[in-house]
Amino acid sequence: MTSVVLEEIPDRVSLAVDISNCRGNCEGCHSPFLKKDIGRELTPEVMDALVADNFGVNCFLFLGEGRDPETLLELADHVHELGLEAAVYSGREEVEDIFWNHFDYIKLGPYKPACGPLNSPTTNQRLFHKSPEGWEDITSRFWHKGVEKS
C-alpha cells in the first residue's frame, strides 16, 4: 500500500510505501499483515511510476525493511537518483552501519504501547536526520502536537 503523508517526516511530503516481510514483533502492531510476503515487488521501475503518479513528493519513505537489506539499500540509492530524500522506518533497536550511508532519515525502535508513539515524549522510538553536521535526533519535533503549553 502507498500513500502520501505529511506528518511522518517533518517538513517533507513523503510517499510512504509499506514493505512486507517485517522482521519485527511489536506488541499491538498496527499492520500485522506486513509480516507476510504480500503485494507486488518494489523495483526501480515501480518506484519511478509511483513518483510520477504522486507529483510534489520530496521524500520516499519505506515503512519497514523487509528481509533483503541489499535490495533495500539499492532502492534507497535509486530514490536519490530521482532527486528525493530516502527514509526508512525500522522497528529494530539499531541498524547496520551501512544504512546510515544510504538514507536521509532513519526511525529506530519497536513500538511499545507503554512508551507511546513517536509523538509522545515518553516514546522509545527515535527519528534521526542526516544533516551537514552529521546525524541528529529530531524526535522531539513530533512532541508539540497535542501538548498543552503552560
Protein backbone atom coordinates (compact mmCIF):
# COMPACT_ATOMS: atom_id res chain seq x y z
CA MET A 1 0.00 0.00 0.00
CA THR A 2 1.17 3.53 -0.71
CA SER A 3 0.03 6.92 0.50
CA VAL A 4 1.23 10.50 0.51
CA VAL A 5 1.82 11.60 4.09
CA LEU A 6 2.66 14.97 5.60
CA GLU A 7 3.41 14.08 9.21
CA GLU A 8 5.76 11.08 9.12
CA ILE A 9 8.89 13.04 8.17
CA PRO A 10 8.98 16.68 9.37
CA ASP A 11 8.76 19.32 6.63
CA ARG A 12 8.51 16.67 3.90
CA VAL A 13 5.78 15.46 1.59
CA SER A 14 6.51 11.76 1.73
CA LEU A 15 5.42 8.91 -0.46
CA ALA A 16 5.04 6.15 2.12
CA VAL A 17 5.28 2.57 0.89
CA ASP A 18 4.53 -0.46 3.07
CA ILE A 19 7.27 -3.09 2.91
CA SER A 20 6.21 -6.68 3.62
CA ASN A 21 8.19 -9.47 5.30
CA CYS A 22 8.54 -7.47 8.51
CA ARG A 23 11.07 -8.96 10.91
CA GLY A 24 9.61 -7.19 13.94
CA ASN A 25 7.28 -8.48 16.60
CA CYS A 26 5.85 -5.29 18.11
CA GLU A 27 3.15 -5.64 20.73
CA GLY A 28 -0.01 -4.00 19.40
CA CYS A 29 1.31 -3.95 15.80
CA HIS A 30 -0.98 -1.84 13.63
CA SER A 31 -0.03 -3.71 10.44
CA PRO A 32 0.32 -7.44 11.26
CA PHE A 33 -0.43 -8.31 7.62
CA LEU A 34 3.04 -6.93 6.72
CA LYS A 35 4.70 -9.93 8.40
CA LYS A 36 3.67 -11.91 5.29
CA ASP A 37 5.21 -11.81 1.82
CA ILE A 38 2.43 -9.84 0.12
CA GLY A 39 1.98 -7.21 -2.56
CA ARG A 40 3.99 -6.62 -5.68
CA GLU A 41 7.75 -6.39 -5.78
CA LEU A 42 9.14 -2.90 -5.38
CA THR A 43 11.55 -2.29 -8.25
CA PRO A 44 13.11 0.91 -9.61
CA GLU A 45 10.52 0.86 -12.40
CA VAL A 46 7.65 0.58 -9.95
CA MET A 47 9.16 3.38 -7.88
CA ASP A 48 9.50 5.59 -10.98
CA ALA A 49 5.80 5.11 -11.73
CA LEU A 50 4.77 5.79 -8.12
CA VAL A 51 6.77 9.01 -8.01
CA ALA A 52 5.41 10.10 -11.40
CA ASP A 53 1.85 9.49 -10.15
CA ASN A 54 2.43 11.49 -6.97
CA PHE A 55 3.67 14.90 -8.10
CA GLY A 56 5.12 17.06 -5.36
CA VAL A 57 6.60 14.41 -3.09
CA ASN A 58 10.14 15.15 -1.94
CA CYS A 59 10.77 12.09 0.23
CA PHE A 60 10.31 8.36 -0.32
CA LEU A 61 9.51 6.57 2.95
CA PHE A 62 9.99 2.82 3.28
CA LEU A 63 7.63 1.67 6.04
CA GLY A 64 9.69 -1.34 7.06
CA GLU A 65 12.80 -3.07 5.81
CA GLY A 66 11.69 -6.46 4.57
CA ARG A 67 14.19 -9.32 4.56
CA ASP A 68 16.52 -8.23 1.75
CA PRO A 69 18.71 -5.39 3.06
CA GLU A 70 20.91 -5.29 -0.05
CA THR A 71 17.94 -4.60 -2.32
CA LEU A 72 16.54 -2.05 0.15
CA LEU A 73 19.81 -0.12 0.07
CA GLU A 74 19.85 -0.23 -3.75
CA LEU A 75 16.29 1.14 -3.78
CA ALA A 76 17.32 3.92 -1.37
CA ASP A 77 20.08 4.86 -3.81
CA HIS A 78 17.50 4.92 -6.62
CA VAL A 79 15.41 7.34 -4.56
CA HIS A 80 18.37 9.72 -4.55
CA GLU A 81 18.73 9.33 -8.33
CA LEU A 82 15.12 10.55 -8.57
CA GLY A 83 16.11 13.69 -6.64
CA LEU A 84 14.22 12.70 -3.50
CA GLU A 85 15.27 12.07 0.07
CA ALA A 86 15.13 8.50 1.37
CA ALA A 87 13.66 7.50 4.72
CA VAL A 88 13.16 4.15 6.44
CA TYR A 89 11.08 3.18 9.47
CA SER A 90 12.81 0.25 11.12
CA GLY A 91 11.29 -1.49 14.10
CA ARG A 92 14.73 -2.60 15.23
CA GLU A 93 16.73 -1.01 18.05
CA GLU A 94 19.65 -0.41 15.66
CA VAL A 95 20.54 -0.92 12.02
CA GLU A 96 23.78 -1.95 10.36
CA ASP A 97 26.28 0.87 9.84
CA ILE A 98 25.80 0.74 6.06
CA PHE A 99 22.21 2.00 6.44
CA TRP A 100 23.48 5.36 7.65
CA ASN A 101 25.19 5.84 4.26
CA HIS A 102 22.05 5.28 2.18
CA PHE A 103 19.25 7.13 3.98
CA ASP A 104 18.49 10.72 4.94
CA TYR A 105 16.09 9.71 7.73
CA ILE A 106 16.08 6.58 9.90
CA LYS A 107 13.46 5.75 12.53
CA LEU A 108 14.58 3.21 15.10
CA GLY A 109 12.82 1.29 17.83
CA PRO A 110 9.92 -1.11 18.03
CA TYR A 111 6.55 0.30 19.02
CA LYS A 112 5.97 -0.24 22.74
CA PRO A 113 2.44 0.67 23.88
CA ALA A 114 3.64 1.63 27.39
CA CYS A 115 6.04 4.19 25.88
CA GLY A 116 3.66 5.63 23.33
CA PRO A 117 4.12 6.56 19.67
CA LEU A 118 6.69 8.91 18.18
CA ASN A 119 4.65 11.99 19.11
CA SER A 120 4.81 11.11 22.81
CA PRO A 121 7.70 12.50 24.89
CA THR A 122 7.90 9.08 26.59
CA THR A 123 8.42 7.15 23.34
CA ASN A 124 11.28 4.71 23.00
CA GLN A 125 11.38 5.32 19.23
CA ARG A 126 13.76 7.81 17.63
CA LEU A 127 13.85 9.56 14.26
CA PHE A 128 17.28 10.59 13.02
CA HIS A 129 18.06 13.04 10.20
CA LYS A 130 21.31 13.33 8.29
CA SER A 131 22.40 16.97 8.35
CA PRO A 132 25.62 18.56 7.10
CA GLU A 133 26.91 18.31 10.68
CA GLY A 134 26.07 14.61 10.97
CA TRP A 135 23.16 12.60 12.30
CA GLU A 136 20.71 14.43 14.53
CA ASP A 137 17.90 13.02 16.70
CA ILE A 138 14.82 15.02 15.62
CA THR A 139 12.24 13.01 17.55
CA SER A 140 11.28 15.99 19.72
CA ARG A 141 9.91 17.76 16.62
CA PHE A 142 6.86 15.50 16.93
CA TRP A 143 6.12 16.40 20.54
CA HIS A 144 4.47 19.80 20.01
CA LYS A 145 1.24 18.21 18.80
CA GLY A 146 -1.36 17.85 21.48
CA VAL A 147 0.93 19.18 24.21
CA GLU A 148 -0.60 21.96 26.25
CA LYS A 149 1.62 24.94 26.96
CA SER A 150 1.58 26.27 30.49
